[in-house]
ModelCIF file with pLDDT and N, C-alpha, C, O atoms, coordinates in Angstrom:
data_MODEL
#
_entry.id   MODEL 
#
_entity.id                         1 
_entity.type                       polymer 
_entity.pdbx_number_of_molecules   1 
#
_entity_poly.entity_id                      1 
_entity_poly.type                           'polypeptide(L)' 
_entity_poly.nstd_linkage                   no 
_entity_poly.nstd_monomer                   no 
_entity_poly.pdbx_seq_one_letter_code       HVQLVESGGGSVQAGGSLRLSCLYNHRGNCMGWFRQVPGKEREGVAAT 
_entity_poly.pdbx_seq_one_letter_code_can   HVQLVESGGGSVQAGGSLRLSCLYNHRGNCMGWFRQVPGKEREGVAAT 
_entity_poly.pdbx_strand_id                 A 
#
loop_
_entity_poly_seq.entity_id 
_entity_poly_seq.num 
_entity_poly_seq.mon_id 
_entity_poly_seq.hetero 
1 1  HIS n 
1 2  VAL n 
1 3  GLN n 
1 4  LEU n 
1 5  VAL n 
1 6  GLU n 
1 7  SER n 
1 8  GLY n 
1 9  GLY n 
1 10 GLY n 
1 11 SER n 
1 12 VAL n 
1 13 GLN n 
1 14 ALA n 
1 15 GLY n 
1 16 GLY n 
1 17 SER n 
1 18 LEU n 
1 19 ARG n 
1 20 LEU n 
1 21 SER n 
1 22 CYS n 
1 23 LEU n 
1 24 TYR n 
1 25 ASN n 
1 26 HIS n 
1 27 ARG n 
1 28 GLY n 
1 29 ASN n 
1 30 CYS n 
1 31 MET n 
1 32 GLY n 
1 33 TRP n 
1 34 PHE n 
1 35 ARG n 
1 36 GLN n 
1 37 VAL n 
1 38 PRO n 
1 39 GLY n 
1 40 LYS n 
1 41 GLU n 
1 42 ARG n 
1 43 GLU n 
1 44 GLY n 
1 45 VAL n 
1 46 ALA n 
1 47 ALA n 
1 48 THR n 
#
_struct_asym.id          A 
_struct_asym.entity_id   1 
#
loop_
_ma_qa_metric.id 
_ma_qa_metric.mode 
_ma_qa_metric.name 
_ma_qa_metric.software_group_id 
_ma_qa_metric.type 
1 global pLDDT . pLDDT 
2 local  pLDDT . pLDDT 
#
_ma_qa_metric_global.metric_id      1 
_ma_qa_metric_global.metric_value   94.69 
_ma_qa_metric_global.model_id       1 
_ma_qa_metric_global.ordinal_id     1 
#
loop_
_ma_qa_metric_local.label_asym_id 
_ma_qa_metric_local.label_comp_id 
_ma_qa_metric_local.label_seq_id 
_ma_qa_metric_local.metric_id 
_ma_qa_metric_local.metric_value 
_ma_qa_metric_local.model_id 
_ma_qa_metric_local.ordinal_id 
A HIS 1  2 81.00 1 1  
A VAL 2  2 87.00 1 2  
A GLN 3  2 92.00 1 3  
A LEU 4  2 95.00 1 4  
A VAL 5  2 96.00 1 5  
A GLU 6  2 97.00 1 6  
A SER 7  2 97.00 1 7  
A GLY 8  2 98.00 1 8  
A GLY 9  2 98.00 1 9  
A GLY 10 2 98.00 1 10 
A SER 11 2 98.00 1 11 
A VAL 12 2 98.00 1 12 
A GLN 13 2 98.00 1 13 
A ALA 14 2 98.00 1 14 
A GLY 15 2 98.00 1 15 
A GLY 16 2 98.00 1 16 
A SER 17 2 98.00 1 17 
A LEU 18 2 98.00 1 18 
A ARG 19 2 98.00 1 19 
A LEU 20 2 98.00 1 20 
A SER 21 2 98.00 1 21 
A CYS 22 2 97.00 1 22 
A LEU 23 2 95.00 1 23 
A TYR 24 2 92.00 1 24 
A ASN 25 2 90.00 1 25 
A HIS 26 2 81.00 1 26 
A ARG 27 2 75.00 1 27 
A GLY 28 2 77.00 1 28 
A ASN 29 2 82.00 1 29 
A CYS 30 2 92.00 1 30 
A MET 31 2 95.00 1 31 
A GLY 32 2 96.00 1 32 
A TRP 33 2 98.00 1 33 
A PHE 34 2 98.00 1 34 
A ARG 35 2 98.00 1 35 
A GLN 36 2 98.00 1 36 
A VAL 37 2 98.00 1 37 
A PRO 38 2 95.00 1 38 
A GLY 39 2 96.00 1 39 
A LYS 40 2 97.00 1 40 
A GLU 41 2 97.00 1 41 
A ARG 42 2 97.00 1 42 
A GLU 43 2 97.00 1 43 
A GLY 44 2 98.00 1 44 
A VAL 45 2 98.00 1 45 
A ALA 46 2 98.00 1 46 
A ALA 47 2 97.00 1 47 
A THR 48 2 96.00 1 48 
#
loop_
_atom_site.group_PDB 
_atom_site.id 
_atom_site.type_symbol 
_atom_site.label_atom_id 
_atom_site.label_alt_id 
_atom_site.label_comp_id 
_atom_site.label_asym_id 
_atom_site.label_entity_id 
_atom_site.label_seq_id 
_atom_site.pdbx_PDB_ins_code 
_atom_site.Cartn_x 
_atom_site.Cartn_y 
_atom_site.Cartn_z 
_atom_site.occupancy 
_atom_site.B_iso_or_equiv 
_atom_site.pdbx_formal_charge 
_atom_site.auth_seq_id 
_atom_site.auth_comp_id 
_atom_site.auth_asym_id 
_atom_site.auth_atom_id 
_atom_site.pdbx_PDB_model_num 
ATOM 1   N N  . HIS A 1 1  ? 0.750   -1.292 -0.134  1.00 81.00 ? 1  HIS A N  1 
ATOM 2   C CA . HIS A 1 1  ? 0.060   0.036  0.145   1.00 81.00 ? 1  HIS A CA 1 
ATOM 3   C C  . HIS A 1 1  ? 0.871   1.454  0.080   1.00 81.00 ? 1  HIS A C  1 
ATOM 4   O O  . HIS A 1 1  ? 1.405   2.012  1.039   1.00 81.00 ? 1  HIS A O  1 
ATOM 5   N N  . VAL A 1 2  ? 0.843   1.858  -1.129  1.00 87.00 ? 2  VAL A N  1 
ATOM 6   C CA . VAL A 1 2  ? 1.730   3.310  -1.109  1.00 87.00 ? 2  VAL A CA 1 
ATOM 7   C C  . VAL A 1 2  ? 0.662   4.627  -0.245  1.00 87.00 ? 2  VAL A C  1 
ATOM 8   O O  . VAL A 1 2  ? -0.539  4.895  -0.275  1.00 87.00 ? 2  VAL A O  1 
ATOM 9   N N  . GLN A 1 3  ? 1.650   5.091  0.346   1.00 92.00 ? 3  GLN A N  1 
ATOM 10  C CA . GLN A 1 3  ? 1.456   6.099  1.051   1.00 92.00 ? 3  GLN A CA 1 
ATOM 11  C C  . GLN A 1 3  ? 2.308   7.707  0.989   1.00 92.00 ? 3  GLN A C  1 
ATOM 12  O O  . GLN A 1 3  ? 3.492   7.942  1.228   1.00 92.00 ? 3  GLN A O  1 
ATOM 13  N N  . LEU A 1 4  ? 1.568   8.341  0.713   1.00 95.00 ? 4  LEU A N  1 
ATOM 14  C CA . LEU A 1 4  ? 2.282   9.564  0.701   1.00 95.00 ? 4  LEU A CA 1 
ATOM 15  C C  . LEU A 1 4  ? 1.957   10.465 1.477   1.00 95.00 ? 4  LEU A C  1 
ATOM 16  O O  . LEU A 1 4  ? 0.739   10.633 1.515   1.00 95.00 ? 4  LEU A O  1 
ATOM 17  N N  . VAL A 1 5  ? 2.814   11.425 2.416   1.00 96.00 ? 5  VAL A N  1 
ATOM 18  C CA . VAL A 1 5  ? 2.961   12.567 3.317   1.00 96.00 ? 5  VAL A CA 1 
ATOM 19  C C  . VAL A 1 5  ? 3.403   13.407 3.022   1.00 96.00 ? 5  VAL A C  1 
ATOM 20  O O  . VAL A 1 5  ? 4.607   13.372 2.768   1.00 96.00 ? 5  VAL A O  1 
ATOM 21  N N  . GLU A 1 6  ? 2.687   14.585 2.899   1.00 97.00 ? 6  GLU A N  1 
ATOM 22  C CA . GLU A 1 6  ? 3.023   15.677 2.258   1.00 97.00 ? 6  GLU A CA 1 
ATOM 23  C C  . GLU A 1 6  ? 3.458   16.768 3.284   1.00 97.00 ? 6  GLU A C  1 
ATOM 24  O O  . GLU A 1 6  ? 2.696   16.782 4.250   1.00 97.00 ? 6  GLU A O  1 
ATOM 25  N N  . SER A 1 7  ? 4.700   17.905 3.372   1.00 97.00 ? 7  SER A N  1 
ATOM 26  C CA . SER A 1 7  ? 4.346   19.003 4.253   1.00 97.00 ? 7  SER A CA 1 
ATOM 27  C C  . SER A 1 7  ? 5.321   19.906 3.309   1.00 97.00 ? 7  SER A C  1 
ATOM 28  O O  . SER A 1 7  ? 5.946   19.668 2.275   1.00 97.00 ? 7  SER A O  1 
ATOM 29  N N  . GLY A 1 8  ? 5.125   21.343 4.352   1.00 98.00 ? 8  GLY A N  1 
ATOM 30  C CA . GLY A 1 8  ? 6.159   22.344 3.952   1.00 98.00 ? 8  GLY A CA 1 
ATOM 31  C C  . GLY A 1 8  ? 5.485   23.392 3.509   1.00 98.00 ? 8  GLY A C  1 
ATOM 32  O O  . GLY A 1 8  ? 6.133   24.335 3.055   1.00 98.00 ? 8  GLY A O  1 
ATOM 33  N N  . GLY A 1 9  ? 4.160   23.446 3.543   1.00 98.00 ? 9  GLY A N  1 
ATOM 34  C CA . GLY A 1 9  ? 3.282   24.366 2.652   1.00 98.00 ? 9  GLY A CA 1 
ATOM 35  C C  . GLY A 1 9  ? 3.383   25.417 3.811   1.00 98.00 ? 9  GLY A C  1 
ATOM 36  O O  . GLY A 1 9  ? 3.769   25.069 4.927   1.00 98.00 ? 9  GLY A O  1 
ATOM 37  N N  . GLY A 1 10 ? 3.021   26.735 3.520   1.00 98.00 ? 10 GLY A N  1 
ATOM 38  C CA . GLY A 1 10 ? 2.944   28.089 4.523   1.00 98.00 ? 10 GLY A CA 1 
ATOM 39  C C  . GLY A 1 10 ? 2.445   28.874 3.933   1.00 98.00 ? 10 GLY A C  1 
ATOM 40  O O  . GLY A 1 10 ? 1.622   28.607 3.057   1.00 98.00 ? 10 GLY A O  1 
ATOM 41  N N  . SER A 1 11 ? 2.885   30.337 4.319   1.00 98.00 ? 11 SER A N  1 
ATOM 42  C CA . SER A 1 11 ? 2.534   31.624 4.072   1.00 98.00 ? 11 SER A CA 1 
ATOM 43  C C  . SER A 1 11 ? 3.910   32.019 3.750   1.00 98.00 ? 11 SER A C  1 
ATOM 44  O O  . SER A 1 11 ? 4.903   31.732 4.418   1.00 98.00 ? 11 SER A O  1 
ATOM 45  N N  . VAL A 1 12 ? 3.875   32.741 2.604   1.00 98.00 ? 12 VAL A N  1 
ATOM 46  C CA . VAL A 1 12 ? 4.968   33.583 2.387   1.00 98.00 ? 12 VAL A CA 1 
ATOM 47  C C  . VAL A 1 12 ? 4.744   35.042 1.364   1.00 98.00 ? 12 VAL A C  1 
ATOM 48  O O  . VAL A 1 12 ? 3.782   35.001 0.597   1.00 98.00 ? 12 VAL A O  1 
ATOM 49  N N  . GLN A 1 13 ? 5.540   36.192 1.357   1.00 98.00 ? 13 GLN A N  1 
ATOM 50  C CA . GLN A 1 13 ? 5.422   37.078 0.743   1.00 98.00 ? 13 GLN A CA 1 
ATOM 51  C C  . GLN A 1 13 ? 6.057   36.863 -0.990  1.00 98.00 ? 13 GLN A C  1 
ATOM 52  O O  . GLN A 1 13 ? 7.029   36.208 -1.368  1.00 98.00 ? 13 GLN A O  1 
ATOM 53  N N  . ALA A 1 14 ? 5.206   37.584 -1.684  1.00 98.00 ? 14 ALA A N  1 
ATOM 54  C CA . ALA A 1 14 ? 5.555   37.324 -3.018  1.00 98.00 ? 14 ALA A CA 1 
ATOM 55  C C  . ALA A 1 14 ? 7.199   37.642 -3.002  1.00 98.00 ? 14 ALA A C  1 
ATOM 56  O O  . ALA A 1 14 ? 7.729   38.454 -2.244  1.00 98.00 ? 14 ALA A O  1 
ATOM 57  N N  . GLY A 1 15 ? 8.030   36.665 -4.201  1.00 98.00 ? 15 GLY A N  1 
ATOM 58  C CA . GLY A 1 15 ? 9.379   36.762 -4.166  1.00 98.00 ? 15 GLY A CA 1 
ATOM 59  C C  . GLY A 1 15 ? 9.944   35.538 -3.281  1.00 98.00 ? 15 GLY A C  1 
ATOM 60  O O  . GLY A 1 15 ? 11.019  34.989 -3.523  1.00 98.00 ? 15 GLY A O  1 
ATOM 61  N N  . GLY A 1 16 ? 9.223   35.240 -2.397  1.00 98.00 ? 16 GLY A N  1 
ATOM 62  C CA . GLY A 1 16 ? 10.000  34.486 -1.354  1.00 98.00 ? 16 GLY A CA 1 
ATOM 63  C C  . GLY A 1 16 ? 10.021  32.932 -1.865  1.00 98.00 ? 16 GLY A C  1 
ATOM 64  O O  . GLY A 1 16 ? 9.733   32.543 -2.997  1.00 98.00 ? 16 GLY A O  1 
ATOM 65  N N  . SER A 1 17 ? 10.317  32.364 -1.060  1.00 98.00 ? 17 SER A N  1 
ATOM 66  C CA . SER A 1 17 ? 10.795  30.480 -1.239  1.00 98.00 ? 17 SER A CA 1 
ATOM 67  C C  . SER A 1 17 ? 10.222  29.572 -0.400  1.00 98.00 ? 17 SER A C  1 
ATOM 68  O O  . SER A 1 17 ? 10.540  29.855 0.755   1.00 98.00 ? 17 SER A O  1 
ATOM 69  N N  . LEU A 1 18 ? 9.690   28.840 -0.442  1.00 98.00 ? 18 LEU A N  1 
ATOM 70  C CA . LEU A 1 18 ? 9.554   27.582 -0.016  1.00 98.00 ? 18 LEU A CA 1 
ATOM 71  C C  . LEU A 1 18 ? 9.632   26.027 -0.407  1.00 98.00 ? 18 LEU A C  1 
ATOM 72  O O  . LEU A 1 18 ? 9.022   25.658 -1.411  1.00 98.00 ? 18 LEU A O  1 
ATOM 73  N N  . ARG A 1 19 ? 10.338  25.139 0.328   1.00 98.00 ? 19 ARG A N  1 
ATOM 74  C CA . ARG A 1 19 ? 10.416  24.021 -0.197  1.00 98.00 ? 19 ARG A CA 1 
ATOM 75  C C  . ARG A 1 19 ? 9.436   23.044 0.196   1.00 98.00 ? 19 ARG A C  1 
ATOM 76  O O  . ARG A 1 19 ? 9.119   23.171 1.378   1.00 98.00 ? 19 ARG A O  1 
ATOM 77  N N  . LEU A 1 20 ? 8.876   22.142 -0.390  1.00 98.00 ? 20 LEU A N  1 
ATOM 78  C CA . LEU A 1 20 ? 7.874   21.177 -0.061  1.00 98.00 ? 20 LEU A CA 1 
ATOM 79  C C  . LEU A 1 20 ? 7.991   20.294 -0.117  1.00 98.00 ? 20 LEU A C  1 
ATOM 80  O O  . LEU A 1 20 ? 8.260   20.086 -1.300  1.00 98.00 ? 20 LEU A O  1 
ATOM 81  N N  . SER A 1 21 ? 7.993   18.861 0.709   1.00 98.00 ? 21 SER A N  1 
ATOM 82  C CA . SER A 1 21 ? 8.470   17.832 1.062   1.00 98.00 ? 21 SER A CA 1 
ATOM 83  C C  . SER A 1 21 ? 7.417   16.199 0.619   1.00 98.00 ? 21 SER A C  1 
ATOM 84  O O  . SER A 1 21 ? 6.261   16.621 0.626   1.00 98.00 ? 21 SER A O  1 
ATOM 85  N N  . CYS A 1 22 ? 7.393   15.447 0.450   1.00 97.00 ? 22 CYS A N  1 
ATOM 86  C CA . CYS A 1 22 ? 6.718   14.386 0.074   1.00 97.00 ? 22 CYS A CA 1 
ATOM 87  C C  . CYS A 1 22 ? 7.308   12.786 0.498   1.00 97.00 ? 22 CYS A C  1 
ATOM 88  O O  . CYS A 1 22 ? 8.074   12.110 -0.188  1.00 97.00 ? 22 CYS A O  1 
ATOM 89  N N  . LEU A 1 23 ? 6.726   12.422 1.795   1.00 95.00 ? 23 LEU A N  1 
ATOM 90  C CA . LEU A 1 23 ? 7.352   11.070 2.004   1.00 95.00 ? 23 LEU A CA 1 
ATOM 91  C C  . LEU A 1 23 ? 6.961   10.160 1.799   1.00 95.00 ? 23 LEU A C  1 
ATOM 92  O O  . LEU A 1 23 ? 5.992   9.850  2.492   1.00 95.00 ? 23 LEU A O  1 
ATOM 93  N N  . TYR A 1 24 ? 7.500   9.001  0.591   1.00 92.00 ? 24 TYR A N  1 
ATOM 94  C CA . TYR A 1 24 ? 6.677   8.087  0.264   1.00 92.00 ? 24 TYR A CA 1 
ATOM 95  C C  . TYR A 1 24 ? 7.215   6.676  0.514   1.00 92.00 ? 24 TYR A C  1 
ATOM 96  O O  . TYR A 1 24 ? 8.383   6.509  0.161   1.00 92.00 ? 24 TYR A O  1 
ATOM 97  N N  . ASN A 1 25 ? 6.710   5.840  0.947   1.00 90.00 ? 25 ASN A N  1 
ATOM 98  C CA . ASN A 1 25 ? 7.225   4.405  1.302   1.00 90.00 ? 25 ASN A CA 1 
ATOM 99  C C  . ASN A 1 25 ? 7.285   3.649  0.206   1.00 90.00 ? 25 ASN A C  1 
ATOM 100 O O  . ASN A 1 25 ? 7.900   2.582  0.204   1.00 90.00 ? 25 ASN A O  1 
ATOM 101 N N  . HIS A 1 26 ? 6.541   4.202  -1.033  1.00 81.00 ? 26 HIS A N  1 
ATOM 102 C CA . HIS A 1 26 ? 7.312   2.905  -2.231  1.00 81.00 ? 26 HIS A CA 1 
ATOM 103 C C  . HIS A 1 26 ? 7.148   4.056  -3.660  1.00 81.00 ? 26 HIS A C  1 
ATOM 104 O O  . HIS A 1 26 ? 6.042   4.313  -4.134  1.00 81.00 ? 26 HIS A O  1 
ATOM 105 N N  . ARG A 1 27 ? 8.201   4.541  -4.102  1.00 75.00 ? 27 ARG A N  1 
ATOM 106 C CA . ARG A 1 27 ? 8.492   5.374  -5.334  1.00 75.00 ? 27 ARG A CA 1 
ATOM 107 C C  . ARG A 1 27 ? 7.398   5.101  -6.627  1.00 75.00 ? 27 ARG A C  1 
ATOM 108 O O  . ARG A 1 27 ? 7.072   3.914  -6.623  1.00 75.00 ? 27 ARG A O  1 
ATOM 109 N N  . GLY A 1 28 ? 6.963   5.612  -7.358  1.00 77.00 ? 28 GLY A N  1 
ATOM 110 C CA . GLY A 1 28 ? 5.868   5.372  -8.721  1.00 77.00 ? 28 GLY A CA 1 
ATOM 111 C C  . GLY A 1 28 ? 7.383   5.635  -9.374  1.00 77.00 ? 28 GLY A C  1 
ATOM 112 O O  . GLY A 1 28 ? 8.359   6.287  -9.002  1.00 77.00 ? 28 GLY A O  1 
ATOM 113 N N  . ASN A 1 29 ? 7.025   4.628  -10.772 1.00 82.00 ? 29 ASN A N  1 
ATOM 114 C CA . ASN A 1 29 ? 7.926   5.295  -11.876 1.00 82.00 ? 29 ASN A CA 1 
ATOM 115 C C  . ASN A 1 29 ? 7.682   6.668  -12.184 1.00 82.00 ? 29 ASN A C  1 
ATOM 116 O O  . ASN A 1 29 ? 8.468   7.017  -13.064 1.00 82.00 ? 29 ASN A O  1 
ATOM 117 N N  . CYS A 1 30 ? 6.867   7.665  -11.803 1.00 92.00 ? 30 CYS A N  1 
ATOM 118 C CA . CYS A 1 30 ? 6.642   8.867  -12.278 1.00 92.00 ? 30 CYS A CA 1 
ATOM 119 C C  . CYS A 1 30 ? 6.364   9.526  -10.954 1.00 92.00 ? 30 CYS A C  1 
ATOM 120 O O  . CYS A 1 30 ? 5.228   9.210  -10.601 1.00 92.00 ? 30 CYS A O  1 
ATOM 121 N N  . MET A 1 31 ? 6.970   10.340 -10.054 1.00 95.00 ? 31 MET A N  1 
ATOM 122 C CA . MET A 1 31 ? 6.374   11.245 -9.277  1.00 95.00 ? 31 MET A CA 1 
ATOM 123 C C  . MET A 1 31 ? 6.372   12.385 -9.600  1.00 95.00 ? 31 MET A C  1 
ATOM 124 O O  . MET A 1 31 ? 7.343   12.796 -10.235 1.00 95.00 ? 31 MET A O  1 
ATOM 125 N N  . GLY A 1 32 ? 5.185   13.363 -9.245  1.00 96.00 ? 32 GLY A N  1 
ATOM 126 C CA . GLY A 1 32 ? 4.475   14.640 -9.704  1.00 96.00 ? 32 GLY A CA 1 
ATOM 127 C C  . GLY A 1 32 ? 4.275   15.534 -8.785  1.00 96.00 ? 32 GLY A C  1 
ATOM 128 O O  . GLY A 1 32 ? 4.324   15.002 -7.676  1.00 96.00 ? 32 GLY A O  1 
ATOM 129 N N  . TRP A 1 33 ? 4.008   17.007 -8.721  1.00 98.00 ? 33 TRP A N  1 
ATOM 130 C CA . TRP A 1 33 ? 3.502   17.899 -7.892  1.00 98.00 ? 33 TRP A CA 1 
ATOM 131 C C  . TRP A 1 33 ? 2.460   18.335 -8.693  1.00 98.00 ? 33 TRP A C  1 
ATOM 132 O O  . TRP A 1 33 ? 2.715   18.413 -9.895  1.00 98.00 ? 33 TRP A O  1 
ATOM 133 N N  . PHE A 1 34 ? 1.300   18.652 -8.305  1.00 98.00 ? 34 PHE A N  1 
ATOM 134 C CA . PHE A 1 34 ? -0.111  19.276 -8.709  1.00 98.00 ? 34 PHE A CA 1 
ATOM 135 C C  . PHE A 1 34 ? -0.448  20.408 -7.927  1.00 98.00 ? 34 PHE A C  1 
ATOM 136 O O  . PHE A 1 34 ? -0.020  20.473 -6.775  1.00 98.00 ? 34 PHE A O  1 
ATOM 137 N N  . ARG A 1 35 ? -1.152  21.305 -8.394  1.00 98.00 ? 35 ARG A N  1 
ATOM 138 C CA . ARG A 1 35 ? -2.006  22.407 -7.329  1.00 98.00 ? 35 ARG A CA 1 
ATOM 139 C C  . ARG A 1 35 ? -3.151  22.002 -7.826  1.00 98.00 ? 35 ARG A C  1 
ATOM 140 O O  . ARG A 1 35 ? -3.405  21.190 -8.717  1.00 98.00 ? 35 ARG A O  1 
ATOM 141 N N  . GLN A 1 36 ? -4.135  22.968 -6.832  1.00 98.00 ? 36 GLN A N  1 
ATOM 142 C CA . GLN A 1 36 ? -5.454  23.094 -7.242  1.00 98.00 ? 36 GLN A CA 1 
ATOM 143 C C  . GLN A 1 36 ? -6.177  24.069 -6.037  1.00 98.00 ? 36 GLN A C  1 
ATOM 144 O O  . GLN A 1 36 ? -6.171  24.010 -4.807  1.00 98.00 ? 36 GLN A O  1 
ATOM 145 N N  . VAL A 1 37 ? -6.913  25.158 -7.200  1.00 98.00 ? 37 VAL A N  1 
ATOM 146 C CA . VAL A 1 37 ? -7.527  25.906 -5.980  1.00 98.00 ? 37 VAL A CA 1 
ATOM 147 C C  . VAL A 1 37 ? -9.079  26.272 -6.542  1.00 98.00 ? 37 VAL A C  1 
ATOM 148 O O  . VAL A 1 37 ? -9.507  26.303 -7.695  1.00 98.00 ? 37 VAL A O  1 
ATOM 149 N N  . PRO A 1 38 ? -9.737  26.532 -5.267  1.00 95.00 ? 38 PRO A N  1 
ATOM 150 C CA . PRO A 1 38 ? -11.271 26.913 -5.150  1.00 95.00 ? 38 PRO A CA 1 
ATOM 151 C C  . PRO A 1 38 ? -11.688 26.986 -7.123  1.00 95.00 ? 38 PRO A C  1 
ATOM 152 O O  . PRO A 1 38 ? -11.261 27.831 -7.910  1.00 95.00 ? 38 PRO A O  1 
ATOM 153 N N  . GLY A 1 39 ? -12.661 25.756 -7.453  1.00 96.00 ? 39 GLY A N  1 
ATOM 154 C CA . GLY A 1 39 ? -13.087 26.806 -8.831  1.00 96.00 ? 39 GLY A CA 1 
ATOM 155 C C  . GLY A 1 39 ? -12.139 25.953 -9.931  1.00 96.00 ? 39 GLY A C  1 
ATOM 156 O O  . GLY A 1 39 ? -12.672 25.997 -11.040 1.00 96.00 ? 39 GLY A O  1 
ATOM 157 N N  . LYS A 1 40 ? -11.123 25.337 -9.931  1.00 97.00 ? 40 LYS A N  1 
ATOM 158 C CA . LYS A 1 40 ? -10.247 25.182 -11.009 1.00 97.00 ? 40 LYS A CA 1 
ATOM 159 C C  . LYS A 1 40 ? -10.110 23.458 -10.915 1.00 97.00 ? 40 LYS A C  1 
ATOM 160 O O  . LYS A 1 40 ? -10.634 22.639 -10.161 1.00 97.00 ? 40 LYS A O  1 
ATOM 161 N N  . GLU A 1 41 ? -9.326  23.353 -11.842 1.00 97.00 ? 41 GLU A N  1 
ATOM 162 C CA . GLU A 1 41 ? -8.856  21.994 -11.929 1.00 97.00 ? 41 GLU A CA 1 
ATOM 163 C C  . GLU A 1 41 ? -7.751  21.525 -11.479 1.00 97.00 ? 41 GLU A C  1 
ATOM 164 O O  . GLU A 1 41 ? -7.024  22.449 -11.116 1.00 97.00 ? 41 GLU A O  1 
ATOM 165 N N  . ARG A 1 42 ? -7.254  20.433 -11.326 1.00 97.00 ? 42 ARG A N  1 
ATOM 166 C CA . ARG A 1 42 ? -5.785  20.405 -10.500 1.00 97.00 ? 42 ARG A CA 1 
ATOM 167 C C  . ARG A 1 42 ? -5.002  20.346 -11.703 1.00 97.00 ? 42 ARG A C  1 
ATOM 168 O O  . ARG A 1 42 ? -5.246  19.778 -12.768 1.00 97.00 ? 42 ARG A O  1 
ATOM 169 N N  . GLU A 1 43 ? -4.064  21.003 -11.360 1.00 97.00 ? 43 GLU A N  1 
ATOM 170 C CA . GLU A 1 43 ? -3.046  21.292 -12.767 1.00 97.00 ? 43 GLU A CA 1 
ATOM 171 C C  . GLU A 1 43 ? -1.516  20.624 -12.332 1.00 97.00 ? 43 GLU A C  1 
ATOM 172 O O  . GLU A 1 43 ? -1.222  20.256 -11.195 1.00 97.00 ? 43 GLU A O  1 
ATOM 173 N N  . GLY A 1 44 ? -0.879  20.582 -13.196 1.00 98.00 ? 44 GLY A N  1 
ATOM 174 C CA . GLY A 1 44 ? 0.414   19.585 -13.118 1.00 98.00 ? 44 GLY A CA 1 
ATOM 175 C C  . GLY A 1 44 ? 1.354   20.889 -12.780 1.00 98.00 ? 44 GLY A C  1 
ATOM 176 O O  . GLY A 1 44 ? 0.833   22.001 -12.869 1.00 98.00 ? 44 GLY A O  1 
ATOM 177 N N  . VAL A 1 45 ? 2.995   20.748 -12.318 1.00 98.00 ? 45 VAL A N  1 
ATOM 178 C CA . VAL A 1 45 ? 3.546   21.832 -12.008 1.00 98.00 ? 45 VAL A CA 1 
ATOM 179 C C  . VAL A 1 45 ? 5.029   21.356 -12.415 1.00 98.00 ? 45 VAL A C  1 
ATOM 180 O O  . VAL A 1 45 ? 5.742   21.931 -13.237 1.00 98.00 ? 45 VAL A O  1 
ATOM 181 N N  . ALA A 1 46 ? 5.422   19.988 -11.556 1.00 98.00 ? 46 ALA A N  1 
ATOM 182 C CA . ALA A 1 46 ? 6.301   19.343 -11.834 1.00 98.00 ? 46 ALA A CA 1 
ATOM 183 C C  . ALA A 1 46 ? 6.366   17.743 -11.960 1.00 98.00 ? 46 ALA A C  1 
ATOM 184 O O  . ALA A 1 46 ? 5.507   17.032 -11.439 1.00 98.00 ? 46 ALA A O  1 
ATOM 185 N N  . ALA A 1 47 ? 7.276   17.313 -12.573 1.00 97.00 ? 47 ALA A N  1 
ATOM 186 C CA . ALA A 1 47 ? 7.138   15.583 -12.743 1.00 97.00 ? 47 ALA A CA 1 
ATOM 187 C C  . ALA A 1 47 ? 8.596   15.139 -12.620 1.00 97.00 ? 47 ALA A C  1 
ATOM 188 O O  . ALA A 1 47 ? 9.366   16.020 -13.002 1.00 97.00 ? 47 ALA A O  1 
ATOM 189 N N  . THR A 1 48 ? 9.165   14.070 -12.213 1.00 96.00 ? 48 THR A N  1 
ATOM 190 C CA . THR A 1 48 ? 10.209  13.589 -12.238 1.00 96.00 ? 48 THR A CA 1 
ATOM 191 C C  . THR A 1 48 ? 10.296  11.825 -12.830 1.00 96.00 ? 48 THR A C  1 
ATOM 192 O O  . THR A 1 48 ? 11.380  11.244 -12.883 1.00 96.00 ? 48 THR A O  1 
#
């Protein structure tokens, strides 16, 4: 059973930086980051 645990989010000012982490117990062939805001579809950000 694959589990993913995310962390690192928060509030920052424009121009700032943030580092998100995703801890997983089993890596998929592809790992991706997506984002979603209310009223919009989930969109891809990055993948490896």
